[in-house]
Amino acid sequence: MCDRGLTSEVARRAGVTSATVSEHVRILREAGLTASVRDRNTMLHVPTPLGLSLLTANRSGEVRRRGTESEEAVVC
């Protein structure tokens, strides 16, 4: 999650279900990396200052190699 977004927007961008996003955001929230604000039937998710610092630590937009050559991670 490189930006703020509603659960449904994040799910659409990531190509996963809203339930999957909710579970992952819960874990990120418990780790102090995101905060969530409910407005009626929508939930807005935003990175915390700690989450932002981790996201912006390497914002080159390049793909970094992790572990093996076939395992890659896109840097936000």
PDB file of N, CA and C in Angstrom:
ATOM      1  N   MET A   1       0.844  -1.162   0.000  1.00  0.00           N
ATOM      2  CA  MET A   1       0.000   0.000   0.000  1.00  0.00           C
ATOM      3  C   MET A   1       0.888   1.223   0.000  1.00  0.00           C
ATOM      4  N   CYS A   2       0.969   1.898  -1.148  1.00  0.00           N
ATOM      5  CA  CYS A   2       1.856   3.040  -1.275  1.00  0.00           C
ATOM      6  C   CYS A   2       1.134   4.351  -1.041  1.00  0.00           C
ATOM      7  N   ASP A   3      -0.166   4.313  -0.908  1.00  0.00           N
ATOM      8  CA  ASP A   3      -0.951   5.526  -0.781  1.00  0.00           C
ATOM      9  C   ASP A   3      -2.154   5.194   0.078  1.00  0.00           C
ATOM     10  N   ARG A   4      -2.933   6.204   0.402  1.00  0.00           N
ATOM     11  CA  ARG A   4      -4.147   5.918   1.164  1.00  0.00           C
ATOM     12  C   ARG A   4      -5.209   5.365   0.225  1.00  0.00           C
ATOM     13  N   GLY A   5      -6.199   4.715   0.783  1.00  0.00           N
ATOM     14  CA  GLY A   5      -7.262   4.195  -0.058  1.00  0.00           C
ATOM     15  C   GLY A   5      -8.330   3.474   0.725  1.00  0.00           C
ATOM     16  N   LEU A   6      -9.479   3.355   0.081  1.00  0.00           N
ATOM     17  CA  LEU A   6     -10.557   2.580   0.639  1.00  0.00           C
ATOM     18  C   LEU A   6     -10.260   1.112   0.409  1.00  0.00           C
ATOM     19  N   THR A   7     -10.823   0.264   1.238  1.00  0.00           N
ATOM     20  CA  THR A   7     -10.588  -1.172   1.113  1.00  0.00           C
ATOM     21  C   THR A   7     -10.871  -1.647  -0.311  1.00  0.00           C
ATOM     22  N   SER A   8     -12.002  -1.223  -0.869  1.00  0.00           N
ATOM     23  CA  SER A   8     -12.370  -1.669  -2.216  1.00  0.00           C
ATOM     24  C   SER A   8     -11.397  -1.154  -3.276  1.00  0.00           C
ATOM     25  N   GLU A   9     -10.894   0.076  -3.112  1.00  0.00           N
ATOM     26  CA  GLU A   9      -9.931   0.633  -4.068  1.00  0.00           C
ATOM     27  C   GLU A   9      -8.607  -0.116  -4.011  1.00  0.00           C
ATOM     28  N   VAL A  10      -8.157  -0.397  -2.798  1.00  0.00           N
ATOM     29  CA  VAL A  10      -6.903  -1.135  -2.628  1.00  0.00           C
ATOM     30  C   VAL A  10      -7.046  -2.532  -3.228  1.00  0.00           C
ATOM     31  N   ALA A  11      -8.189  -3.175  -3.003  1.00  0.00           N
ATOM     32  CA  ALA A  11      -8.430  -4.515  -3.550  1.00  0.00           C
ATOM     33  C   ALA A  11      -8.403  -4.485  -5.071  1.00  0.00           C
ATOM     34  N   ARG A  12      -9.053  -3.495  -5.659  1.00  0.00           N
ATOM     35  CA  ARG A  12      -9.083  -3.394  -7.114  1.00  0.00           C
ATOM     36  C   ARG A  12      -7.684  -3.183  -7.671  1.00  0.00           C
ATOM     37  N   ARG A  13      -6.912  -2.273  -7.071  1.00  0.00           N
ATOM     38  CA  ARG A  13      -5.553  -1.999  -7.553  1.00  0.00           C
ATOM     39  C   ARG A  13      -4.635  -3.202  -7.390  1.00  0.00           C
ATOM     40  N   ALA A  14      -4.831  -3.952  -6.313  1.00  0.00           N
ATOM     41  CA  ALA A  14      -3.966  -5.108  -6.048  1.00  0.00           C
ATOM     42  C   ALA A  14      -4.454  -6.383  -6.740  1.00  0.00           C
ATOM     43  N   GLY A  15      -5.681  -6.369  -7.239  1.00  0.00           N
ATOM     44  CA  GLY A  15      -6.222  -7.553  -7.889  1.00  0.00           C
ATOM     45  C   GLY A  15      -6.565  -8.674  -6.929  1.00  0.00           C
ATOM     46  N   VAL A  16      -6.999  -8.296  -5.724  1.00  0.00           N
ATOM     47  CA  VAL A  16      -7.385  -9.284  -4.712  1.00  0.00           C
ATOM     48  C   VAL A  16      -8.754  -8.907  -4.161  1.00  0.00           C
ATOM     49  N   THR A  17      -9.306  -9.747  -3.299  1.00  0.00           N
ATOM     50  CA  THR A  17     -10.619  -9.465  -2.711  1.00  0.00           C
ATOM     51  C   THR A  17     -10.500  -8.447  -1.577  1.00  0.00           C
ATOM     52  N   SER A  18     -11.628  -7.823  -1.261  1.00  0.00           N
ATOM     53  CA  SER A  18     -11.668  -6.891  -0.131  1.00  0.00           C
ATOM     54  C   SER A  18     -11.342  -7.597   1.177  1.00  0.00           C
ATOM     55  N   ALA A  19     -11.755  -8.856   1.298  1.00  0.00           N
ATOM     56  CA  ALA A  19     -11.460  -9.620   2.513  1.00  0.00           C
ATOM     57  C   ALA A  19      -9.952  -9.801   2.681  1.00  0.00           C
ATOM     58  N   THR A  20      -9.251 -10.050   1.582  1.00  0.00           N
ATOM     59  CA  THR A  20      -7.797 -10.200   1.640  1.00  0.00           C
ATOM     60  C   THR A  20      -7.147  -8.899   2.065  1.00  0.00           C
ATOM     61  N   VAL A  21      -7.605  -7.789   1.503  1.00  0.00           N
ATOM     62  CA  VAL A  21      -7.068  -6.479   1.882  1.00  0.00           C
ATOM     63  C   VAL A  21      -7.315  -6.218   3.360  1.00  0.00           C
ATOM     64  N   SER A  22      -8.519  -6.492   3.819  1.00  0.00           N
ATOM     65  CA  SER A  22      -8.853  -6.256   5.229  1.00  0.00           C
ATOM     66  C   SER A  22      -7.927  -7.022   6.157  1.00  0.00           C
ATOM     67  N   GLU A  23      -7.649  -8.265   5.819  1.00  0.00           N
ATOM     68  CA  GLU A  23      -6.768  -9.088   6.657  1.00  0.00           C
ATOM     69  C   GLU A  23      -5.343  -8.529   6.660  1.00  0.00           C
ATOM     70  N   HIS A  24      -4.840  -8.159   5.499  1.00  0.00           N
ATOM     71  CA  HIS A  24      -3.483  -7.618   5.426  1.00  0.00           C
ATOM     72  C   HIS A  24      -3.375  -6.264   6.120  1.00  0.00           C
ATOM     73  N   VAL A  25      -4.396  -5.425   5.940  1.00  0.00           N
ATOM     74  CA  VAL A  25      -4.383  -4.115   6.600  1.00  0.00           C
ATOM     75  C   VAL A  25      -4.450  -4.279   8.115  1.00  0.00           C
ATOM     76  N   ARG A  26      -5.197  -5.267   8.588  1.00  0.00           N
ATOM     77  CA  ARG A  26      -5.263  -5.518  10.043  1.00  0.00           C
ATOM     78  C   ARG A  26      -3.866  -5.828  10.584  1.00  0.00           C
ATOM     79  N   ILE A  27      -3.126  -6.640   9.871  1.00  0.00           N
ATOM     80  CA  ILE A  27      -1.771  -6.990  10.296  1.00  0.00           C
ATOM     81  C   ILE A  27      -0.864  -5.766  10.260  1.00  0.00           C
ATOM     82  N   LEU A  28      -0.963  -4.973   9.198  1.00  0.00           N
ATOM     83  CA  LEU A  28      -0.167  -3.738   9.105  1.00  0.00           C
ATOM     84  C   LEU A  28      -0.541  -2.761  10.217  1.00  0.00           C
ATOM     85  N   ARG A  29      -1.845  -2.673  10.536  1.00  0.00           N
ATOM     86  CA  ARG A  29      -2.303  -1.783  11.608  1.00  0.00           C
ATOM     87  C   ARG A  29      -1.761  -2.241  12.956  1.00  0.00           C
ATOM     88  N   GLU A  30      -1.786  -3.546  13.210  1.00  0.00           N
ATOM     89  CA  GLU A  30      -1.249  -4.083  14.467  1.00  0.00           C
ATOM     90  C   GLU A  30       0.252  -3.827  14.590  1.00  0.00           C
ATOM     91  N   ALA A  31       0.944  -3.743  13.466  1.00  0.00           N
ATOM     92  CA  ALA A  31       2.381  -3.463  13.461  1.00  0.00           C
ATOM     93  C   ALA A  31       2.674  -1.969  13.525  1.00  0.00           C
ATOM     94  N   GLY A  32       1.615  -1.141  13.516  1.00  0.00           N
ATOM     95  CA  GLY A  32       1.802   0.299  13.589  1.00  0.00           C
ATOM     96  C   GLY A  32       2.177   0.940  12.263  1.00  0.00           C
ATOM     97  N   LEU A  33       1.936   0.241  11.152  1.00  0.00           N
ATOM     98  CA  LEU A  33       2.321   0.758   9.841  1.00  0.00           C
ATOM     99  C   LEU A  33       1.192   1.450   9.098  1.00  0.00           C
ATOM    100  N   THR A  34      -0.059   1.180   9.482  1.00  0.00           N
ATOM    101  CA  THR A  34      -1.209   1.843   8.882  1.00  0.00           C
ATOM    102  C   THR A  34      -2.190   2.234   9.972  1.00  0.00           C
ATOM    103  N   ALA A  35      -3.062   3.160   9.618  1.00  0.00           N
ATOM    104  CA  ALA A  35      -4.184   3.538  10.473  1.00  0.00           C
ATOM    105  C   ALA A  35      -5.431   3.460   9.601  1.00  0.00           C
ATOM    106  N   SER A  36      -6.561   3.155  10.196  1.00  0.00           N
ATOM    107  CA  SER A  36      -7.805   3.024   9.452  1.00  0.00           C
ATOM    108  C   SER A  36      -8.883   3.859  10.120  1.00  0.00           C
ATOM    109  N   VAL A  37      -9.670   4.554   9.294  1.00  0.00           N
ATOM    110  CA  VAL A  37     -10.737   5.406   9.789  1.00  0.00           C
ATOM    111  C   VAL A  37     -12.033   4.992   9.110  1.00  0.00           C
ATOM    112  N   ARG A  38     -13.053   4.699   9.915  1.00  0.00           N
ATOM    113  CA  ARG A  38     -14.348   4.291   9.359  1.00  0.00           C
ATOM    114  C   ARG A  38     -15.229   5.526   9.182  1.00  0.00           C
ATOM    115  N   ASP A  39     -15.911   5.575   8.027  1.00  0.00           N
ATOM    116  CA  ASP A  39     -16.923   6.591   7.756  1.00  0.00           C
ATOM    117  C   ASP A  39     -18.137   5.864   7.212  1.00  0.00           C
ATOM    118  N   ARG A  40     -19.126   5.663   8.056  1.00  0.00           N
ATOM    119  CA  ARG A  40     -20.319   4.878   7.745  1.00  0.00           C
ATOM    120  C   ARG A  40     -19.938   3.470   7.316  1.00  0.00           C
ATOM    121  N   ASN A  41     -20.116   3.142   6.027  1.00  0.00           N
ATOM    122  CA  ASN A  41     -19.831   1.770   5.598  1.00  0.00           C
ATOM    123  C   ASN A  41     -18.519   1.672   4.816  1.00  0.00           C
ATOM    124  N   THR A  42     -17.666   2.682   4.906  1.00  0.00           N
ATOM    125  CA  THR A  42     -16.367   2.629   4.226  1.00  0.00           C
ATOM    126  C   THR A  42     -15.234   2.739   5.238  1.00  0.00           C
ATOM    127  N   MET A  43     -14.102   2.192   4.880  1.00  0.00           N
ATOM    128  CA  MET A  43     -12.918   2.232   5.736  1.00  0.00           C
ATOM    129  C   MET A  43     -11.773   2.804   4.921  1.00  0.00           C
ATOM    130  N   LEU A  44     -11.193   3.903   5.388  1.00  0.00           N
ATOM    131  CA  LEU A  44     -10.066   4.536   4.720  1.00  0.00           C
ATOM    132  C   LEU A  44      -8.789   4.109   5.433  1.00  0.00           C
ATOM    133  N   HIS A  45      -7.815   3.640   4.669  1.00  0.00           N
ATOM    134  CA  HIS A  45      -6.549   3.176   5.216  1.00  0.00           C
ATOM    135  C   HIS A  45      -5.444   4.141   4.797  1.00  0.00           C
ATOM    136  N   VAL A  46      -4.630   4.555   5.759  1.00  0.00           N
ATOM    137  CA  VAL A  46      -3.519   5.471   5.477  1.00  0.00           C
ATOM    138  C   VAL A  46      -2.266   4.966   6.183  1.00  0.00           C
ATOM    139  N   PRO A  47      -1.116   5.185   5.553  1.00  0.00           N
ATOM    140  CA  PRO A  47       0.125   4.795   6.240  1.00  0.00           C
ATOM    141  C   PRO A  47       0.384   5.728   7.424  1.00  0.00           C
ATOM    142  N   THR A  48       0.930   5.196   8.484  1.00  0.00           N
ATOM    143  CA  THR A  48       1.350   6.007   9.631  1.00  0.00           C
ATOM    144  C   THR A  48       2.700   6.647   9.297  1.00  0.00           C
ATOM    145  N   PRO A  49       3.192   7.560  10.129  1.00  0.00           N
ATOM    146  CA  PRO A  49       4.527   8.104   9.886  1.00  0.00           C
ATOM    147  C   PRO A  49       5.599   7.016   9.773  1.00  0.00           C
ATOM    148  N   LEU A  50       5.499   5.976  10.606  1.00  0.00           N
ATOM    149  CA  LEU A  50       6.448   4.866  10.511  1.00  0.00           C
ATOM    150  C   LEU A  50       6.294   4.140   9.174  1.00  0.00           C
ATOM    151  N   GLY A  51       5.059   3.872   8.782  1.00  0.00           N
ATOM    152  CA  GLY A  51       4.808   3.214   7.505  1.00  0.00           C
ATOM    153  C   GLY A  51       5.323   4.038   6.339  1.00  0.00           C
ATOM    154  N   LEU A  52       5.106   5.350   6.387  1.00  0.00           N
ATOM    155  CA  LEU A  52       5.609   6.228   5.327  1.00  0.00           C
ATOM    156  C   LEU A  52       7.126   6.229   5.268  1.00  0.00           C
ATOM    157  N   SER A  53       7.770   6.235   6.432  1.00  0.00           N
ATOM    158  CA  SER A  53       9.237   6.247   6.429  1.00  0.00           C
ATOM    159  C   SER A  53       9.790   4.978   5.803  1.00  0.00           C
ATOM    160  N   LEU A  54       9.124   3.855   6.028  1.00  0.00           N
ATOM    161  CA  LEU A  54       9.567   2.610   5.404  1.00  0.00           C
ATOM    162  C   LEU A  54       9.303   2.617   3.902  1.00  0.00           C
ATOM    163  N   LEU A  55       8.161   3.176   3.492  1.00  0.00           N
ATOM    164  CA  LEU A  55       7.842   3.246   2.070  1.00  0.00           C
ATOM    165  C   LEU A  55       8.789   4.168   1.307  1.00  0.00           C
ATOM    166  N   THR A  56       9.182   5.252   1.940  1.00  0.00           N
ATOM    167  CA  THR A  56      10.007   6.242   1.241  1.00  0.00           C
ATOM    168  C   THR A  56      11.498   6.017   1.428  1.00  0.00           C
ATOM    169  N   ALA A  57      11.893   5.019   2.193  1.00  0.00           N
ATOM    170  CA  ALA A  57      13.312   4.756   2.432  1.00  0.00           C
ATOM    171  C   ALA A  57      14.048   4.477   1.137  1.00  0.00           C
ATOM    172  N   ASN A  58      13.392   3.829   0.190  1.00  0.00           N
ATOM    173  CA  ASN A  58      13.991   3.561  -1.114  1.00  0.00           C
ATOM    174  C   ASN A  58      12.904   3.730  -2.157  1.00  0.00           C
ATOM    175  N   ARG A  59      12.656   4.946  -2.553  1.00  0.00           N
ATOM    176  CA  ARG A  59      11.559   5.261  -3.466  1.00  0.00           C
ATOM    177  C   ARG A  59      12.020   5.391  -4.909  1.00  0.00           C
ATOM    178  N   SER A  60      12.993   4.625  -5.282  1.00  0.00           N
ATOM    179  CA  SER A  60      13.522   4.724  -6.638  1.00  0.00           C
ATOM    180  C   SER A  60      12.561   4.171  -7.677  1.00  0.00           C
ATOM    181  N   GLY A  61      11.582   3.360  -7.260  1.00  0.00           N
ATOM    182  CA  GLY A  61      10.651   2.767  -8.199  1.00  0.00           C
ATOM    183  C   GLY A  61      11.246   1.591  -8.946  1.00  0.00           C
ATOM    184  N   GLU A  62      12.436   1.195  -8.593  1.00  0.00           N
ATOM    185  CA  GLU A  62      13.095   0.079  -9.259  1.00  0.00           C
ATOM    186  C   GLU A  62      12.666  -1.236  -8.621  1.00  0.00           C
ATOM    187  N   VAL A  63      12.905  -2.285  -9.338  1.00  0.00           N
ATOM    188  CA  VAL A  63      12.667  -3.616  -8.799  1.00  0.00           C
ATOM    189  C   VAL A  63      13.935  -4.059  -8.096  1.00  0.00           C
ATOM    190  N   ARG A  64      13.792  -4.442  -6.845  1.00  0.00           N
ATOM    191  CA  ARG A  64      14.939  -4.936  -6.069  1.00  0.00           C
ATOM    192  C   ARG A  64      14.933  -6.439  -6.063  1.00  0.00           C
ATOM    193  N   ARG A  65      16.084  -7.016  -6.126  1.00  0.00           N
ATOM    194  CA  ARG A  65      16.214  -8.472  -6.041  1.00  0.00           C
ATOM    195  C   ARG A  65      16.186  -8.881  -4.576  1.00  0.00           C
ATOM    196  N   ARG A  66      15.445  -9.961  -4.297  1.00  0.00           N
ATOM    197  CA  ARG A  66      15.398 -10.515  -2.949  1.00  0.00           C
ATOM    198  C   ARG A  66      15.683 -11.992  -3.061  1.00  0.00           C
ATOM    199  N   GLY A  67      16.615 -12.461  -2.322  1.00  0.00           N
ATOM    200  CA  GLY A  67      16.881 -13.898  -2.302  1.00  0.00           C
ATOM    201  C   GLY A  67      17.368 -14.409  -3.628  1.00  0.00           C
ATOM    202  N   THR A  68      16.521 -15.144  -4.318  1.00  0.00           N
ATOM    203  CA  THR A  68      16.913 -15.734  -5.598  1.00  0.00           C
ATOM    204  C   THR A  68      16.611 -14.775  -6.737  1.00  0.00           C
ATOM    205  N   GLU A  69      17.133 -15.071  -7.906  1.00  0.00           N
ATOM    206  CA  GLU A  69      16.912 -14.216  -9.061  1.00  0.00           C
ATOM    207  C   GLU A  69      15.453 -14.173  -9.475  1.00  0.00           C
ATOM    208  N   SER A  70      14.702 -15.226  -9.224  1.00  0.00           N
ATOM    209  CA  SER A  70      13.305 -15.266  -9.635  1.00  0.00           C
ATOM    210  C   SER A  70      12.385 -14.541  -8.653  1.00  0.00           C
ATOM    211  N   GLU A  71      12.900 -14.171  -7.509  1.00  0.00           N
ATOM    212  CA  GLU A  71      12.089 -13.526  -6.476  1.00  0.00           C
ATOM    213  C   GLU A  71      12.383 -12.033  -6.496  1.00  0.00           C
ATOM    214  N   GLU A  72      11.383 -11.226  -6.856  1.00  0.00           N
ATOM    215  CA  GLU A  72      11.573  -9.786  -6.962  1.00  0.00           C
ATOM    216  C   GLU A  72      10.506  -9.060  -6.137  1.00  0.00           C
ATOM    217  N   ALA A  73      10.846  -7.860  -5.737  1.00  0.00           N
ATOM    218  CA  ALA A  73       9.885  -7.023  -5.020  1.00  0.00           C
ATOM    219  C   ALA A  73       9.890  -5.645  -5.665  1.00  0.00           C
ATOM    220  N   VAL A  74       8.711  -5.117  -5.936  1.00  0.00           N
ATOM    221  CA  VAL A  74       8.628  -3.777  -6.499  1.00  0.00           C
ATOM    222  C   VAL A  74       8.671  -2.790  -5.356  1.00  0.00           C
ATOM    223  N   VAL A  75       9.550  -1.818  -5.473  1.00  0.00           N
ATOM    224  CA  VAL A  75       9.674  -0.779  -4.455  1.00  0.00           C
ATOM    225  C   VAL A  75       8.685   0.319  -4.800  1.00  0.00           C
ATOM    226  N   CYS A  76       7.843   0.694  -3.849  1.00  0.00           N
ATOM    227  CA  CYS A  76       6.818   1.717  -4.088  1.00  0.00           C
ATOM    228  C   CYS A  76       7.445   3.084  -4.255  1.00  0.00           C
TER     229      CYS A  76
END
